């Protein structure tokens, strides 16, 4: 996530590999690269590029014709200048599909990431030949402590090197009260947090709009945070259960 109090729209998954796979490991102050992830396991993960071909955000396939992402990803790059890259695990390689965007819906209540409603839906030109995620709808189904996976192509550390390949890290959902301790503007109605108290595992700049999933169910979209993997500063995500109906309606789903 960006320094992250800028939203995470600039760069990959930051995670200390040891912490990512051993939650009980001692806290580590550095942010390492996490683990490479496979599109075979996560076919719905996509990234967004501008008209110069630069990757700047992530996204997630929610229907054959639509991708969900963070609303703040459309702040600097309009939908008309955005392309969705799907089925390409390594940005340096060919393959997959690159589709233009015919329409971009941004939640009308979105103002800043700290105020919430950080969700958008992009309608693509053509069809996405990859399996979409399921949308979480029951707020009680993924309580605090649930292990979730966040995916992206962003930076490996705050201000650090950009990843060329898809990466992932496992982070636990955090209690609302704990998240409020880290962020006074945290709003549990539209946000959720995930991360370890000691930090070390997180999304980073450029991961904005990317998926936080439990299995193949989308529970969050990368939104913002304070640094990448800082102790006491878990990642903040858009809470999908609040916006599932909006996403479904703008993705051409029945709801």
C-alpha atoms as a PDB file:
ATOM      1  CA  UNK A   1       0.000   0.000   0.000  1.00  0.00           C
ATOM      2  CA  UNK A   2       1.357   3.410  -0.649  1.00  0.00           C
ATOM      3  CA  UNK A   3       3.120   5.304   2.095  1.00  0.00           C
ATOM      4  CA  UNK A   4      -0.010   3.992   2.242  1.00  0.00           C
ATOM      5  CA  UNK A   5      -1.863   6.880   3.632  1.00  0.00           C
ATOM      6  CA  UNK A   6      -1.823   7.548   0.071  1.00  0.00           C
ATOM      7  CA  UNK A   7      -3.971   4.737  -1.222  1.00  0.00           C
ATOM      8  CA  UNK A   8      -2.183   1.676  -2.519  1.00  0.00           C
ATOM      9  CA  UNK A   9      -2.311   2.657  -6.136  1.00  0.00           C
ATOM     10  CA  UNK A  10       1.366   2.827  -6.925  1.00  0.00           C
ATOM     11  CA  UNK A  11       2.992  -0.481  -6.559  1.00  0.00           C
ATOM     12  CA  UNK A  12       3.350  -5.476  -4.667  1.00  0.00           C
ATOM     13  CA  UNK A  13       2.574  -7.569  -1.848  1.00  0.00           C
ATOM     14  CA  UNK A  14       4.883  -6.748   0.989  1.00  0.00           C
ATOM     15  CA  UNK A  15       5.436  -9.632   3.338  1.00  0.00           C
ATOM     16  CA  UNK A  16       8.166 -11.204   5.349  1.00  0.00           C
ATOM     17  CA  UNK A  17       8.161 -14.696   3.955  1.00  0.00           C
ATOM     18  CA  UNK A  18       8.780 -16.259   7.349  1.00  0.00           C
ATOM     19  CA  UNK A  19       5.911 -14.382   8.927  1.00  0.00           C
ATOM     20  CA  UNK A  20       3.646 -15.090   5.974  1.00  0.00           C
ATOM     21  CA  UNK A  21       3.906 -18.815   6.444  1.00  0.00           C
ATOM     22  CA  UNK A  22       4.574 -18.964  10.197  1.00  0.00           C
ATOM     23  CA  UNK A  23       2.160 -16.561  11.944  1.00  0.00           C
ATOM     24  CA  UNK A  24       3.773 -17.289  15.306  1.00  0.00           C
ATOM     25  CA  UNK A  25       7.235 -16.270  14.117  1.00  0.00           C
ATOM     26  CA  UNK A  26       8.940 -13.337  15.807  1.00  0.00           C
ATOM     27  CA  UNK A  27       8.190  -9.935  14.330  1.00  0.00           C
ATOM     28  CA  UNK A  28      10.500  -8.801  11.563  1.00  0.00           C
ATOM     29  CA  UNK A  29      11.065  -5.154  10.810  1.00  0.00           C
ATOM     30  CA  UNK A  30      12.010  -5.537   7.182  1.00  0.00           C
ATOM     31  CA  UNK A  31       9.398  -6.166   4.482  1.00  0.00           C
ATOM     32  CA  UNK A  32      10.419  -8.959   2.145  1.00  0.00           C
ATOM     33  CA  UNK A  33       8.752 -10.228  -0.995  1.00  0.00           C
ATOM     34  CA  UNK A  34       6.148 -12.713   0.172  1.00  0.00           C
ATOM     35  CA  UNK A  35       5.593 -15.620  -2.187  1.00  0.00           C
ATOM     36  CA  UNK A  36       5.004 -15.943  -5.889  1.00  0.00           C
ATOM     37  CA  UNK A  37       1.408 -16.896  -6.650  1.00  0.00           C
ATOM     38  CA  UNK A  38      -0.173 -18.830  -9.496  1.00  0.00           C
ATOM     39  CA  UNK A  39      -2.998 -17.715 -11.755  1.00  0.00           C
ATOM     40  CA  UNK A  40      -3.929 -21.373 -12.018  1.00  0.00           C
ATOM     41  CA  UNK A  41      -4.966 -21.082  -8.364  1.00  0.00           C
ATOM     42  CA  UNK A  42      -6.251 -17.504  -8.648  1.00  0.00           C
ATOM     43  CA  UNK A  43      -7.515 -17.012 -12.232  1.00  0.00           C
ATOM     44  CA  UNK A  44      -9.612 -14.002 -11.229  1.00  0.00           C
ATOM     45  CA  UNK A  45      -6.634 -11.798 -10.303  1.00  0.00           C
ATOM     46  CA  UNK A  46      -5.930  -9.058 -12.872  1.00  0.00           C
ATOM     47  CA  UNK A  47      -3.965  -5.845 -13.078  1.00  0.00           C
ATOM     48  CA  UNK A  48      -4.710  -2.467 -14.624  1.00  0.00           C
ATOM     49  CA  UNK A  49      -2.470  -0.530 -17.000  1.00  0.00           C
ATOM     50  CA  UNK A  50      -2.723   3.011 -18.321  1.00  0.00           C
ATOM     51  CA  UNK A  51      -2.422   4.034 -21.959  1.00  0.00           C
ATOM     52  CA  UNK A  52       1.389   3.987 -21.627  1.00  0.00           C
ATOM     53  CA  UNK A  53       1.314   0.347 -20.532  1.00  0.00           C
ATOM     54  CA  UNK A  54       2.266   1.047 -16.912  1.00  0.00           C
ATOM     55  CA  UNK A  55       0.678  -1.140 -14.246  1.00  0.00           C
ATOM     56  CA  UNK A  56      -0.796   1.012 -11.497  1.00  0.00           C
ATOM     57  CA  UNK A  57      -3.514  -0.998  -9.724  1.00  0.00           C
ATOM     58  CA  UNK A  58      -4.935  -4.458  -9.288  1.00  0.00           C
ATOM     59  CA  UNK A  59      -8.417  -5.806  -9.804  1.00  0.00           C
ATOM     60  CA  UNK A  60     -10.512  -8.940  -9.673  1.00  0.00           C
ATOM     61  CA  UNK A  61     -12.824 -10.589 -12.188  1.00  0.00           C
ATOM     62  CA  UNK A  62     -16.403 -10.613 -10.905  1.00  0.00           C
ATOM     63  CA  UNK A  63     -18.192 -11.597 -14.128  1.00  0.00           C
ATOM     64  CA  UNK A  64     -17.222 -12.485 -17.719  1.00  0.00           C
ATOM     65  CA  UNK A  65     -17.518  -8.807 -18.623  1.00  0.00           C
ATOM     66  CA  UNK A  66     -16.536  -6.937 -15.458  1.00  0.00           C
ATOM     67  CA  UNK A  67     -13.720  -6.330 -12.996  1.00  0.00           C
ATOM     68  CA  UNK A  68     -13.986  -4.854  -9.510  1.00  0.00           C
ATOM     69  CA  UNK A  69     -11.269  -2.521  -8.248  1.00  0.00           C
ATOM     70  CA  UNK A  70     -10.796   0.379  -5.835  1.00  0.00           C
ATOM     71  CA  UNK A  71     -12.575   3.637  -6.603  1.00  0.00           C
ATOM     72  CA  UNK A  72      -9.381   5.592  -5.987  1.00  0.00           C
ATOM     73  CA  UNK A  73      -7.767   3.730  -8.895  1.00  0.00           C
ATOM     74  CA  UNK A  74      -9.955   5.807 -11.219  1.00  0.00           C
ATOM     75  CA  UNK A  75      -8.928   9.116  -9.661  1.00  0.00           C
ATOM     76  CA  UNK A  76      -5.843   9.700 -11.815  1.00  0.00           C
ATOM     77  CA  UNK A  77      -6.458   7.306 -14.699  1.00  0.00           C
ATOM     78  CA  UNK A  78      -9.954   7.552 -16.210  1.00  0.00           C
ATOM     79  CA  UNK A  79     -11.727   4.388 -17.269  1.00  0.00           C
ATOM     80  CA  UNK A  80     -11.360   5.368 -20.933  1.00  0.00           C
ATOM     81  CA  UNK A  81      -7.549   5.192 -20.567  1.00  0.00           C
ATOM     82  CA  UNK A  82      -7.514   1.956 -18.569  1.00  0.00           C
ATOM     83  CA  UNK A  83      -6.892  -1.546 -19.859  1.00  0.00           C
ATOM     84  CA  UNK A  84      -7.382  -4.784 -17.952  1.00  0.00           C
ATOM     85  CA  UNK A  85      -4.668  -7.443 -18.199  1.00  0.00           C
ATOM     86  CA  UNK A  86      -5.949 -10.922 -17.318  1.00  0.00           C
ATOM     87  CA  UNK A  87      -4.328 -14.333 -17.505  1.00  0.00           C
ATOM     88  CA  UNK A  88      -0.783 -12.930 -17.438  1.00  0.00           C
ATOM     89  CA  UNK A  89       1.102 -14.040 -14.341  1.00  0.00           C
ATOM     90  CA  UNK A  90       4.386 -12.294 -15.220  1.00  0.00           C
ATOM     91  CA  UNK A  91       4.184  -8.757 -16.589  1.00  0.00           C
ATOM     92  CA  UNK A  92       7.328  -9.365 -18.671  1.00  0.00           C
ATOM     93  CA  UNK A  93       5.748 -12.213 -20.607  1.00  0.00           C
ATOM     94  CA  UNK A  94       3.078 -12.299 -23.314  1.00  0.00           C
ATOM     95  CA  UNK A  95      -0.102 -14.281 -22.918  1.00  0.00           C
ATOM     96  CA  UNK A  96      -3.495 -13.735 -21.444  1.00  0.00           C
ATOM     97  CA  UNK A  97      -5.776 -10.999 -22.721  1.00  0.00           C
ATOM     98  CA  UNK A  98      -5.610  -7.198 -22.668  1.00  0.00           C
ATOM     99  CA  UNK A  99      -9.052  -5.608 -22.845  1.00  0.00           C
ATOM    100  CA  UNK A 100     -10.115  -2.001 -23.013  1.00  0.00           C
ATOM    101  CA  UNK A 101     -12.757  -0.570 -20.709  1.00  0.00           C
ATOM    102  CA  UNK A 102     -16.078   0.622 -22.086  1.00  0.00           C
ATOM    103  CA  UNK A 103     -17.531   1.872 -18.831  1.00  0.00           C
ATOM    104  CA  UNK A 104     -16.369   2.623 -15.327  1.00  0.00           C
ATOM    105  CA  UNK A 105     -18.691   2.868 -12.330  1.00  0.00           C
ATOM    106  CA  UNK A 106     -17.324   4.421  -9.162  1.00  0.00           C
ATOM    107  CA  UNK A 107     -19.347   4.351  -5.961  1.00  0.00           C
ATOM    108  CA  UNK A 108     -21.146   7.714  -5.713  1.00  0.00           C
ATOM    109  CA  UNK A 109     -20.281   8.087  -2.020  1.00  0.00           C
ATOM    110  CA  UNK A 110     -16.537   7.792  -2.605  1.00  0.00           C
ATOM    111  CA  UNK A 111     -14.540  10.911  -1.715  1.00  0.00           C
ATOM    112  CA  UNK A 112     -11.311   9.709  -0.097  1.00  0.00           C
ATOM    113  CA  UNK A 113     -10.045   6.296   0.978  1.00  0.00           C
ATOM    114  CA  UNK A 114     -10.353   7.329   4.618  1.00  0.00           C
ATOM    115  CA  UNK A 115     -14.075   8.017   4.100  1.00  0.00           C
ATOM    116  CA  UNK A 116     -14.724   4.579   2.594  1.00  0.00           C
ATOM    117  CA  UNK A 117     -16.909   3.355  -0.295  1.00  0.00           C
ATOM    118  CA  UNK A 118     -13.637   2.666  -2.125  1.00  0.00           C
ATOM    119  CA  UNK A 119     -15.099   0.419  -4.819  1.00  0.00           C
ATOM    120  CA  UNK A 120     -15.498   0.595  -8.587  1.00  0.00           C
ATOM    121  CA  UNK A 121     -16.536  -1.731 -11.403  1.00  0.00           C
ATOM    122  CA  UNK A 122     -15.008  -1.689 -14.882  1.00  0.00           C
ATOM    123  CA  UNK A 123     -16.939  -3.098 -17.838  1.00  0.00           C
ATOM    124  CA  UNK A 124     -14.514  -4.518 -20.388  1.00  0.00           C
ATOM    125  CA  UNK A 125     -14.656  -4.558 -24.164  1.00  0.00           C
ATOM    126  CA  UNK A 126     -15.165  -8.239 -24.960  1.00  0.00           C
ATOM    127  CA  UNK A 127     -15.169 -11.122 -22.506  1.00  0.00           C
ATOM    128  CA  UNK A 128     -12.800 -12.378 -19.831  1.00  0.00           C
ATOM    129  CA  UNK A 129     -12.156 -16.101 -20.367  1.00  0.00           C
ATOM    130  CA  UNK A 130     -11.246 -16.796 -16.738  1.00  0.00           C
ATOM    131  CA  UNK A 131     -13.233 -17.870 -13.697  1.00  0.00           C
ATOM    132  CA  UNK A 132     -14.600 -15.029 -11.557  1.00  0.00           C
ATOM    133  CA  UNK A 133     -14.616 -14.850  -7.770  1.00  0.00           C
ATOM    134  CA  UNK A 134     -17.675 -15.319  -5.622  1.00  0.00           C
ATOM    135  CA  UNK A 135     -18.783 -12.250  -3.675  1.00  0.00           C
ATOM    136  CA  UNK A 136     -18.972 -12.483   0.122  1.00  0.00           C
ATOM    137  CA  UNK A 137     -22.455 -11.616   1.340  1.00  0.00           C
ATOM    138  CA  UNK A 138     -22.684 -12.795   4.957  1.00  0.00           C
ATOM    139  CA  UNK A 139     -20.796 -10.458   7.334  1.00  0.00           C
ATOM    140  CA  UNK A 140     -20.630 -13.209   9.978  1.00  0.00           C
ATOM    141  CA  UNK A 141     -19.044 -15.798   7.687  1.00  0.00           C
ATOM    142  CA  UNK A 142     -15.455 -14.486   7.910  1.00  0.00           C
ATOM    143  CA  UNK A 143     -14.898 -13.236  11.477  1.00  0.00           C
ATOM    144  CA  UNK A 144     -11.701 -11.889  13.009  1.00  0.00           C
ATOM    145  CA  UNK A 145      -8.949 -14.482  12.840  1.00  0.00           C
ATOM    146  CA  UNK A 146     -10.052 -15.852   9.465  1.00  0.00           C
ATOM    147  CA  UNK A 147      -7.008 -16.409   7.273  1.00  0.00           C
ATOM    148  CA  UNK A 148      -7.316 -14.583   3.962  1.00  0.00           C
ATOM    149  CA  UNK A 149      -5.032 -14.233   0.952  1.00  0.00           C
ATOM    150  CA  UNK A 150      -4.186 -10.896  -0.653  1.00  0.00           C
ATOM    151  CA  UNK A 151      -2.841 -10.849  -4.208  1.00  0.00           C
ATOM    152  CA  UNK A 152      -1.093  -8.281  -6.385  1.00  0.00           C
ATOM    153  CA  UNK A 153       1.711  -7.125  -8.638  1.00  0.00           C
ATOM    154  CA  UNK A 154       2.702  -4.057  -6.591  1.00  0.00           C
ATOM    155  CA  UNK A 155       5.881  -3.142  -4.717  1.00  0.00           C
ATOM    156  CA  UNK A 156       7.888  -5.532  -2.572  1.00  0.00           C
ATOM    157  CA  UNK A 157       8.311  -2.870   0.136  1.00  0.00           C
ATOM    158  CA  UNK A 158       7.152   0.682   0.712  1.00  0.00           C
ATOM    159  CA  UNK A 159       8.780   2.713  -2.042  1.00  0.00           C
ATOM    160  CA  UNK A 160      10.692  -0.377  -3.155  1.00  0.00           C
ATOM    161  CA  UNK A 161      11.043  -2.481  -6.252  1.00  0.00           C
ATOM    162  CA  UNK A 162       7.969  -3.376  -8.277  1.00  0.00           C
ATOM    163  CA  UNK A 163       7.217  -7.036  -8.748  1.00  0.00           C
ATOM    164  CA  UNK A 164       7.055  -8.422 -12.265  1.00  0.00           C
ATOM    165  CA  UNK A 165       4.995 -11.447 -11.195  1.00  0.00           C
ATOM    166  CA  UNK A 166       1.859 -12.080  -9.187  1.00  0.00           C
ATOM    167  CA  UNK A 167       2.527 -12.480  -5.466  1.00  0.00           C
ATOM    168  CA  UNK A 168       0.428 -13.412  -2.471  1.00  0.00           C
ATOM    169  CA  UNK A 169       0.517 -13.477   1.295  1.00  0.00           C
ATOM    170  CA  UNK A 170      -1.814 -14.841   3.963  1.00  0.00           C
ATOM    171  CA  UNK A 171      -3.093 -12.368   6.575  1.00  0.00           C
ATOM    172  CA  UNK A 172      -5.715 -12.771   9.314  1.00  0.00           C
ATOM    173  CA  UNK A 173      -8.846 -10.629   9.458  1.00  0.00           C
ATOM    174  CA  UNK A 174      -8.496  -8.155  12.348  1.00  0.00           C
ATOM    175  CA  UNK A 175     -11.046  -7.204  15.001  1.00  0.00           C
ATOM    176  CA  UNK A 176     -12.795  -3.906  14.232  1.00  0.00           C
ATOM    177  CA  UNK A 177     -11.758  -2.429  17.571  1.00  0.00           C
ATOM    178  CA  UNK A 178      -8.114  -3.299  16.919  1.00  0.00           C
ATOM    179  CA  UNK A 179      -8.253  -1.717  13.477  1.00  0.00           C
ATOM    180  CA  UNK A 180      -9.719   1.450  14.964  1.00  0.00           C
ATOM    181  CA  UNK A 181      -6.706   1.662  17.260  1.00  0.00           C
ATOM    182  CA  UNK A 182      -4.480   1.856  14.203  1.00  0.00           C
ATOM    183  CA  UNK A 183      -6.755   4.155  12.170  1.00  0.00           C
ATOM    184  CA  UNK A 184      -9.026   6.670  13.880  1.00  0.00           C
ATOM    185  CA  UNK A 185     -11.069   7.033  10.682  1.00  0.00           C
ATOM    186  CA  UNK A 186     -11.732   3.284  10.334  1.00  0.00           C
ATOM    187  CA  UNK A 187     -15.394   2.629   9.514  1.00  0.00           C
ATOM    188  CA  UNK A 188     -16.446  -1.011   9.975  1.00  0.00           C
ATOM    189  CA  UNK A 189     -19.558  -0.446   7.875  1.00  0.00           C
ATOM    190  CA  UNK A 190     -17.504  -0.149   4.699  1.00  0.00           C
ATOM    191  CA  UNK A 191     -14.000  -1.332   5.670  1.00  0.00           C
ATOM    192  CA  UNK A 192     -12.211  -4.309   7.164  1.00  0.00           C
ATOM    193  CA  UNK A 193      -8.600  -4.807   8.229  1.00  0.00           C
ATOM    194  CA  UNK A 194      -6.223  -7.729   7.833  1.00  0.00           C
ATOM    195  CA  UNK A 195      -2.678  -8.234   9.081  1.00  0.00           C
ATOM    196  CA  UNK A 196      -0.540  -9.376  12.014  1.00  0.00           C
ATOM    197  CA  UNK A 197      -0.046  -7.245  15.154  1.00  0.00           C
ATOM    198  CA  UNK A 198       3.716  -7.355  14.575  1.00  0.00           C
ATOM    199  CA  UNK A 199       3.328  -6.429  10.914  1.00  0.00           C
ATOM    200  CA  UNK A 200       5.561  -7.918   8.237  1.00  0.00           C
ATOM    201  CA  UNK A 201       2.804  -9.190   5.913  1.00  0.00           C
ATOM    202  CA  UNK A 202       0.786  -6.750   3.867  1.00  0.00           C
ATOM    203  CA  UNK A 203      -0.183  -5.357   0.495  1.00  0.00           C
ATOM    204  CA  UNK A 204       1.847  -2.429  -0.847  1.00  0.00           C
ATOM    205  CA  UNK A 205       1.834   0.342  -3.443  1.00  0.00           C
ATOM    206  CA  UNK A 206       0.357  -0.825  -6.733  1.00  0.00           C
ATOM    207  CA  UNK A 207      -1.815  -3.504  -5.115  1.00  0.00           C
ATOM    208  CA  UNK A 208      -4.790  -1.137  -4.758  1.00  0.00           C
ATOM    209  CA  UNK A 209      -8.023  -2.663  -5.971  1.00  0.00           C
ATOM    210  CA  UNK A 210      -6.613  -6.188  -5.795  1.00  0.00           C
ATOM    211  CA  UNK A 211      -8.436  -9.057  -4.101  1.00  0.00           C
ATOM    212  CA  UNK A 212      -8.479 -10.259  -0.509  1.00  0.00           C
ATOM    213  CA  UNK A 213      -9.978 -13.741  -0.725  1.00  0.00           C
ATOM    214  CA  UNK A 214     -10.902 -16.689   1.438  1.00  0.00           C
ATOM    215  CA  UNK A 215     -10.805 -19.639  -0.913  1.00  0.00           C
ATOM    216  CA  UNK A 216     -12.405 -18.243  -4.066  1.00  0.00           C
ATOM    217  CA  UNK A 217     -14.650 -15.812  -2.189  1.00  0.00           C
ATOM    218  CA  UNK A 218     -13.846 -12.102  -2.349  1.00  0.00           C
ATOM    219  CA  UNK A 219     -14.069 -10.456   1.072  1.00  0.00           C
ATOM    220  CA  UNK A 220     -12.074  -7.271   0.453  1.00  0.00           C
ATOM    221  CA  UNK A 221     -10.383  -4.965  -2.046  1.00  0.00           C
ATOM    222  CA  UNK A 222      -7.005  -3.415  -1.211  1.00  0.00           C
ATOM    223  CA  UNK A 223      -7.723   0.192  -0.215  1.00  0.00           C
ATOM    224  CA  UNK A 224      -5.157   1.953   2.006  1.00  0.00           C
ATOM    225  CA  UNK A 225      -2.878   1.795   4.999  1.00  0.00           C
ATOM    226  CA  UNK A 226       0.063   3.400   6.764  1.00  0.00           C
ATOM    227  CA  UNK A 227       3.221   2.053   5.172  1.00  0.00           C
ATOM    228  CA  UNK A 228       3.531  -1.593   4.130  1.00  0.00           C
ATOM    229  CA  UNK A 229       3.617  -4.149   6.921  1.00  0.00           C
ATOM    230  CA  UNK A 230       4.143  -1.754   9.836  1.00  0.00           C
ATOM    231  CA  UNK A 231       3.428  -3.078  13.318  1.00  0.00           C
ATOM    232  CA  UNK A 232       0.028  -1.948  14.547  1.00  0.00           C
ATOM    233  CA  UNK A 233      -0.966  -0.807  11.045  1.00  0.00           C
ATOM    234  CA  UNK A 234      -2.851  -3.605   9.298  1.00  0.00           C
ATOM    235  CA  UNK A 235      -4.022  -3.195   5.731  1.00  0.00           C
ATOM    236  CA  UNK A 236      -7.420  -1.564   5.224  1.00  0.00           C
ATOM    237  CA  UNK A 237      -9.741  -3.156   2.668  1.00  0.00           C
ATOM    238  CA  UNK A 238     -13.120  -2.325   1.194  1.00  0.00           C
ATOM    239  CA  UNK A 239     -15.669  -4.614   2.900  1.00  0.00           C
ATOM    240  CA  UNK A 240     -17.302  -6.608   0.101  1.00  0.00           C
ATOM    241  CA  UNK A 241     -20.368  -7.713   2.055  1.00  0.00           C
ATOM    242  CA  UNK A 242     -21.441  -4.060   2.173  1.00  0.00           C
ATOM    243  CA  UNK A 243     -21.085  -3.544  -1.567  1.00  0.00           C
ATOM    244  CA  UNK A 244     -21.841  -6.979  -3.046  1.00  0.00           C
ATOM    245  CA  UNK A 245     -25.210  -5.906  -4.441  1.00  0.00           C
ATOM    246  CA  UNK A 246     -23.707  -2.793  -6.052  1.00  0.00           C
ATOM    247  CA  UNK A 247     -20.884  -4.825  -7.585  1.00  0.00           C
ATOM    248  CA  UNK A 248     -23.273  -7.475  -8.872  1.00  0.00           C
ATOM    249  CA  UNK A 249     -25.612  -4.915 -10.413  1.00  0.00           C
ATOM    250  CA  UNK A 250     -22.823  -3.131 -12.292  1.00  0.00           C
ATOM    251  CA  UNK A 251     -21.168  -6.412 -13.299  1.00  0.00           C
ATOM    252  CA  UNK A 252     -24.307  -7.703 -14.996  1.00  0.00           C
ATOM    253  CA  UNK A 253     -24.966 -10.331 -12.342  1.00  0.00           C
ATOM    254  CA  UNK A 254     -28.419 -11.149 -11.020  1.00  0.00           C
ATOM    255  CA  UNK A 255     -27.491  -9.982  -7.507  1.00  0.00           C
END
